[in-house]
């Protein structure tokens, strides 16, 4: 496997062990994950890349407990989430895991502040105002808290979505193509804030992206192909990740001929 990473010193945030995910059965089965073994460190920003259908999104959904594994284990904070029931998984996602999506999913009738606090409002929990203030300051939203989504730019809306994902102090944040609906300037702004939240707030972020430039903001990038990890790159650059993705596409094209 390309790009051998030096042994990690940070504690493990989440780990997949011999993780398998199949869709369907028999000759028509799709093998989305083929015995994947990977660990993600606390306080690190990791990008997951790969061609369409490579398994990158399936890995994220399975790690987050949004999809069940066919076999293998997922260890999160010492517990195997593959053995949890639906209620346990719901509580895990509500309190321990944050999500940032390509679509901002902000409620249009509420202000930015109300949108940020929505997870706590739904759980009938009081916000930690010191943490809220730190998020707002780090994400540059202090002057936008009274604005509704239609009064914000795309980049500002995504920053509100990031603050909403972080407000419950989750141990782990999953970002699914978080810059997919943004222009290049807004994308760079959001990715810088994600990197800043890892560095200054101690967050752990796992981001699925098809964009080599986006991956270059991460501390580490993993490349998927055919349900397997084919490269694990520390300190990725846009050029390096673009070359790896192109090589995988060429390999897939030759295999299909």
Protein backbone atom coordinates (compact mmCIF):
# COMPACT_ATOMS: atom_id res chain seq x y z
CA UNK A 1 0.00 0.00 0.00
CA UNK A 2 1.38 3.39 -1.00
CA UNK A 3 2.38 6.11 1.42
CA UNK A 4 3.31 4.32 4.62
CA UNK A 5 2.34 6.48 7.58
CA UNK A 6 4.60 6.70 10.61
CA UNK A 7 3.11 5.24 13.80
CA UNK A 8 0.45 7.51 15.28
CA UNK A 9 0.83 9.07 18.69
CA UNK A 10 -2.69 10.42 19.11
CA UNK A 11 -5.33 8.20 20.74
CA UNK A 12 -7.74 6.43 18.40
CA UNK A 13 -11.05 8.20 17.73
CA UNK A 14 -12.63 5.37 15.74
CA UNK A 15 -11.34 2.18 14.12
CA UNK A 16 -12.64 -0.25 11.51
CA UNK A 17 -11.49 -3.85 11.88
CA UNK A 18 -11.98 -6.33 9.00
CA UNK A 19 -15.00 -4.26 7.94
CA UNK A 20 -17.16 -5.79 5.22
CA UNK A 21 -20.26 -4.31 3.62
CA UNK A 22 -22.16 -6.13 0.88
CA UNK A 23 -25.33 -5.02 -0.87
CA UNK A 24 -27.46 -7.83 -2.26
CA UNK A 25 -26.58 -11.51 -2.43
CA UNK A 26 -25.18 -14.11 -4.78
CA UNK A 27 -23.91 -13.18 -8.24
CA UNK A 28 -25.50 -9.73 -8.09
CA UNK A 29 -23.94 -8.75 -4.75
CA UNK A 30 -22.02 -5.49 -4.62
CA UNK A 31 -18.96 -5.66 -2.37
CA UNK A 32 -18.73 -2.06 -1.16
CA UNK A 33 -16.19 -2.72 1.62
CA UNK A 34 -13.82 -5.69 1.43
CA UNK A 35 -12.29 -6.29 4.84
CA UNK A 36 -11.19 -2.71 5.53
CA UNK A 37 -8.80 -2.05 8.41
CA UNK A 38 -8.22 1.60 9.29
CA UNK A 39 -7.91 3.78 12.38
CA UNK A 40 -8.52 7.49 12.73
CA UNK A 41 -6.74 9.56 15.36
CA UNK A 42 -8.29 12.08 17.72
CA UNK A 43 -7.63 15.72 16.89
CA UNK A 44 -6.84 15.02 13.25
CA UNK A 45 -8.41 15.96 9.91
CA UNK A 46 -8.65 13.00 7.50
CA UNK A 47 -9.92 13.07 3.91
CA UNK A 48 -11.34 9.98 2.20
CA UNK A 49 -11.17 10.01 -1.59
CA UNK A 50 -11.90 7.66 -4.45
CA UNK A 51 -13.84 7.31 -7.70
CA UNK A 52 -17.63 6.98 -7.64
CA UNK A 53 -18.59 3.56 -6.33
CA UNK A 54 -15.20 3.02 -4.65
CA UNK A 55 -16.66 2.59 -1.15
CA UNK A 56 -15.66 5.92 0.42
CA UNK A 57 -19.21 7.03 1.24
CA UNK A 58 -20.15 3.53 2.41
CA UNK A 59 -17.23 3.61 4.85
CA UNK A 60 -18.37 6.94 6.28
CA UNK A 61 -22.02 5.85 6.60
CA UNK A 62 -20.99 2.60 8.27
CA UNK A 63 -18.58 4.29 10.67
CA UNK A 64 -21.33 6.73 11.64
CA UNK A 65 -23.83 3.95 12.31
CA UNK A 66 -26.07 5.15 9.47
CA UNK A 67 -25.61 1.83 7.66
CA UNK A 68 -25.05 -1.62 9.13
CA UNK A 69 -21.92 -3.68 8.50
CA UNK A 70 -22.11 -7.14 6.95
CA UNK A 71 -19.24 -8.26 9.16
CA UNK A 72 -16.28 -6.89 11.06
CA UNK A 73 -16.14 -4.40 13.92
CA UNK A 74 -16.21 -0.63 14.40
CA UNK A 75 -14.72 0.48 17.71
CA UNK A 76 -15.67 3.98 18.86
CA UNK A 77 -14.47 5.11 22.28
CA UNK A 78 -13.94 1.49 23.33
CA UNK A 79 -17.38 0.26 22.27
CA UNK A 80 -18.25 -1.86 19.22
CA UNK A 81 -21.02 0.09 17.50
CA UNK A 82 -21.86 -2.85 15.23
CA UNK A 83 -23.41 -4.48 18.31
CA UNK A 84 -25.57 -1.47 19.22
CA UNK A 85 -29.33 -1.39 18.68
CA UNK A 86 -31.15 1.44 16.89
CA UNK A 87 -31.86 3.37 20.09
CA UNK A 88 -28.22 3.20 21.20
CA UNK A 89 -27.06 4.34 17.76
CA UNK A 90 -29.52 7.24 17.79
CA UNK A 91 -28.21 8.43 21.15
CA UNK A 92 -24.63 8.02 19.93
CA UNK A 93 -25.26 10.18 16.87
CA UNK A 94 -27.16 12.76 18.89
CA UNK A 95 -24.49 13.29 21.53
CA UNK A 96 -21.15 12.02 20.23
CA UNK A 97 -21.13 12.46 16.45
CA UNK A 98 -21.59 15.60 14.33
CA UNK A 99 -22.53 15.73 10.65
CA UNK A 100 -21.79 18.29 7.93
CA UNK A 101 -23.45 17.68 4.56
CA UNK A 102 -23.13 19.06 1.04
CA UNK A 103 -26.56 20.69 1.41
CA UNK A 104 -26.57 23.00 4.40
CA UNK A 105 -29.98 21.81 5.72
CA UNK A 106 -30.58 25.04 7.62
CA UNK A 107 -34.13 25.88 8.72
CA UNK A 108 -35.10 28.99 6.71
CA UNK A 109 -37.42 30.53 9.31
CA UNK A 110 -34.76 30.59 12.04
CA UNK A 111 -31.74 32.82 12.56
CA UNK A 112 -28.16 31.60 12.33
CA UNK A 113 -27.97 31.43 16.12
CA UNK A 114 -31.19 29.41 16.36
CA UNK A 115 -29.94 27.03 13.66
CA UNK A 116 -26.65 26.53 15.49
CA UNK A 117 -28.44 25.76 18.76
CA UNK A 118 -31.09 23.51 17.14
CA UNK A 119 -29.53 20.15 18.21
CA UNK A 120 -29.57 21.32 21.84
CA UNK A 121 -33.08 22.77 21.49
CA UNK A 122 -34.39 19.44 20.17
CA UNK A 123 -32.69 17.59 23.03
CA UNK A 124 -34.05 20.13 25.55
CA UNK A 125 -30.51 20.87 26.71
CA UNK A 126 -28.96 24.18 27.72
CA UNK A 127 -26.06 25.46 25.62
CA UNK A 128 -22.58 26.03 26.97
CA UNK A 129 -22.38 29.74 26.14
CA UNK A 130 -18.59 29.78 26.44
CA UNK A 131 -18.33 27.00 23.82
CA UNK A 132 -20.95 28.74 21.65
CA UNK A 133 -19.00 32.00 21.79
CA UNK A 134 -15.77 30.20 20.93
CA UNK A 135 -17.38 28.51 17.91
CA UNK A 136 -18.91 31.74 16.69
CA UNK A 137 -15.59 33.57 17.07
CA UNK A 138 -13.56 30.81 15.39
CA UNK A 139 -16.00 30.55 12.48
CA UNK A 140 -16.34 34.31 12.03
CA UNK A 141 -20.11 34.36 12.58
CA UNK A 142 -20.43 36.94 15.36
CA UNK A 143 -21.94 39.57 13.05
CA UNK A 144 -24.28 37.10 11.35
CA UNK A 145 -26.12 35.51 14.27
CA UNK A 146 -29.37 37.45 13.69
CA UNK A 147 -29.42 36.72 9.95
CA UNK A 148 -31.65 34.08 8.38
CA UNK A 149 -30.18 31.62 5.84
CA UNK A 150 -31.45 33.58 2.82
CA UNK A 151 -29.44 36.56 4.09
CA UNK A 152 -26.20 34.59 4.18
CA UNK A 153 -23.79 33.55 1.43
CA UNK A 154 -23.24 29.87 0.69
CA UNK A 155 -19.96 29.90 2.61
CA UNK A 156 -21.60 31.58 5.59
CA UNK A 157 -24.43 29.05 5.56
CA UNK A 158 -21.95 26.20 5.59
CA UNK A 159 -20.09 27.82 8.49
CA UNK A 160 -23.40 27.92 10.40
CA UNK A 161 -23.83 24.23 9.57
CA UNK A 162 -20.31 23.53 10.90
CA UNK A 163 -21.09 25.38 14.14
CA UNK A 164 -24.33 23.39 14.45
CA UNK A 165 -22.37 20.15 14.01
CA UNK A 166 -19.91 21.18 16.74
CA UNK A 167 -22.28 22.73 19.28
CA UNK A 168 -22.90 19.44 21.12
CA UNK A 169 -19.12 18.94 21.52
CA UNK A 170 -19.10 15.69 19.51
CA UNK A 171 -16.10 13.37 19.75
CA UNK A 172 -16.14 12.94 15.99
CA UNK A 173 -17.43 14.93 12.99
CA UNK A 174 -18.22 13.45 9.59
CA UNK A 175 -18.25 15.83 6.61
CA UNK A 176 -19.81 14.51 3.39
CA UNK A 177 -18.65 16.61 0.40
CA UNK A 178 -18.99 19.78 2.53
CA UNK A 179 -17.85 22.08 -0.29
CA UNK A 180 -19.79 20.39 -3.10
CA UNK A 181 -22.29 23.26 -3.44
CA UNK A 182 -19.79 26.09 -3.00
CA UNK A 183 -17.69 28.19 -5.35
CA UNK A 184 -13.91 28.03 -5.09
CA UNK A 185 -13.61 31.06 -2.77
CA UNK A 186 -16.29 29.80 -0.38
CA UNK A 187 -14.82 26.29 -0.53
CA UNK A 188 -11.41 27.54 0.54
CA UNK A 189 -13.03 29.54 3.34
CA UNK A 190 -14.97 26.54 4.69
CA UNK A 191 -12.02 24.16 4.42
CA UNK A 192 -9.82 26.64 6.26
CA UNK A 193 -12.38 26.79 9.07
CA UNK A 194 -12.57 22.99 9.23
CA UNK A 195 -8.78 22.84 9.51
CA UNK A 196 -8.88 25.59 12.13
CA UNK A 197 -11.51 23.72 14.18
CA UNK A 198 -9.19 20.72 14.30
CA UNK A 199 -6.17 22.80 15.26
CA UNK A 200 -7.80 25.22 17.73
CA UNK A 201 -10.86 23.33 19.02
CA UNK A 202 -9.35 19.85 19.06
CA UNK A 203 -12.03 18.35 16.80
CA UNK A 204 -11.66 15.07 14.92
CA UNK A 205 -12.97 15.35 11.36
CA UNK A 206 -13.37 12.67 8.69
CA UNK A 207 -14.28 14.19 5.33
CA UNK A 208 -15.42 12.40 2.18
CA UNK A 209 -14.52 14.38 -0.93
CA UNK A 210 -13.86 13.92 -4.63
CA UNK A 211 -11.84 17.15 -4.73
CA UNK A 212 -8.05 16.85 -4.57
CA UNK A 213 -7.75 20.50 -3.50
CA UNK A 214 -10.14 19.88 -0.59
CA UNK A 215 -8.11 16.84 0.45
CA UNK A 216 -4.96 18.98 0.58
CA UNK A 217 -6.36 20.78 3.66
CA UNK A 218 -6.37 17.51 5.62
CA UNK A 219 -3.61 16.03 7.77
CA UNK A 220 -4.03 12.70 6.01
CA UNK A 221 -5.81 11.40 2.91
CA UNK A 222 -6.99 7.86 2.22
CA UNK A 223 -7.78 6.70 -1.32
CA UNK A 224 -10.40 4.01 -1.91
CA UNK A 225 -10.86 1.77 -4.93
CA UNK A 226 -13.11 -1.29 -5.26
CA UNK A 227 -13.87 -1.37 -1.54
CA UNK A 228 -10.22 -1.33 -0.47
CA UNK A 229 -7.74 1.30 0.71
CA UNK A 230 -5.13 1.66 -2.02
CA UNK A 231 -3.20 4.66 -0.65
CA UNK A 232 -2.76 6.31 2.75
CA UNK A 233 -1.00 9.65 2.39
CA UNK A 234 0.24 11.92 5.21
CA UNK A 235 0.27 15.68 4.54
CA UNK A 236 -1.46 15.36 1.16
CA UNK A 237 -1.01 17.89 -1.62
CA UNK A 238 -3.57 18.63 -4.33
CA UNK A 239 -1.14 17.49 -7.04
CA UNK A 240 -0.37 14.20 -5.28
CA UNK A 241 -4.02 13.37 -4.69
CA UNK A 242 -4.99 14.32 -8.23
CA UNK A 243 -2.29 11.99 -9.60
CA UNK A 244 -3.49 9.13 -7.38
CA UNK A 245 -7.11 9.57 -8.43
CA UNK A 246 -6.18 9.71 -12.11
CA UNK A 247 -4.10 6.55 -11.76
CA UNK A 248 -7.07 4.78 -10.16
CA UNK A 249 -9.43 5.88 -12.92
CA UNK A 250 -6.99 4.65 -15.57
CA UNK A 251 -6.60 1.33 -13.77
CA UNK A 252 -10.39 0.94 -13.55
CA UNK A 253 -10.76 1.75 -17.26
CA UNK A 254 -8.17 -0.88 -18.24
CA UNK A 255 -9.84 -3.45 -15.97
CA UNK A 256 -13.21 -2.81 -17.64
CA UNK A 257 -11.87 -3.41 -21.15
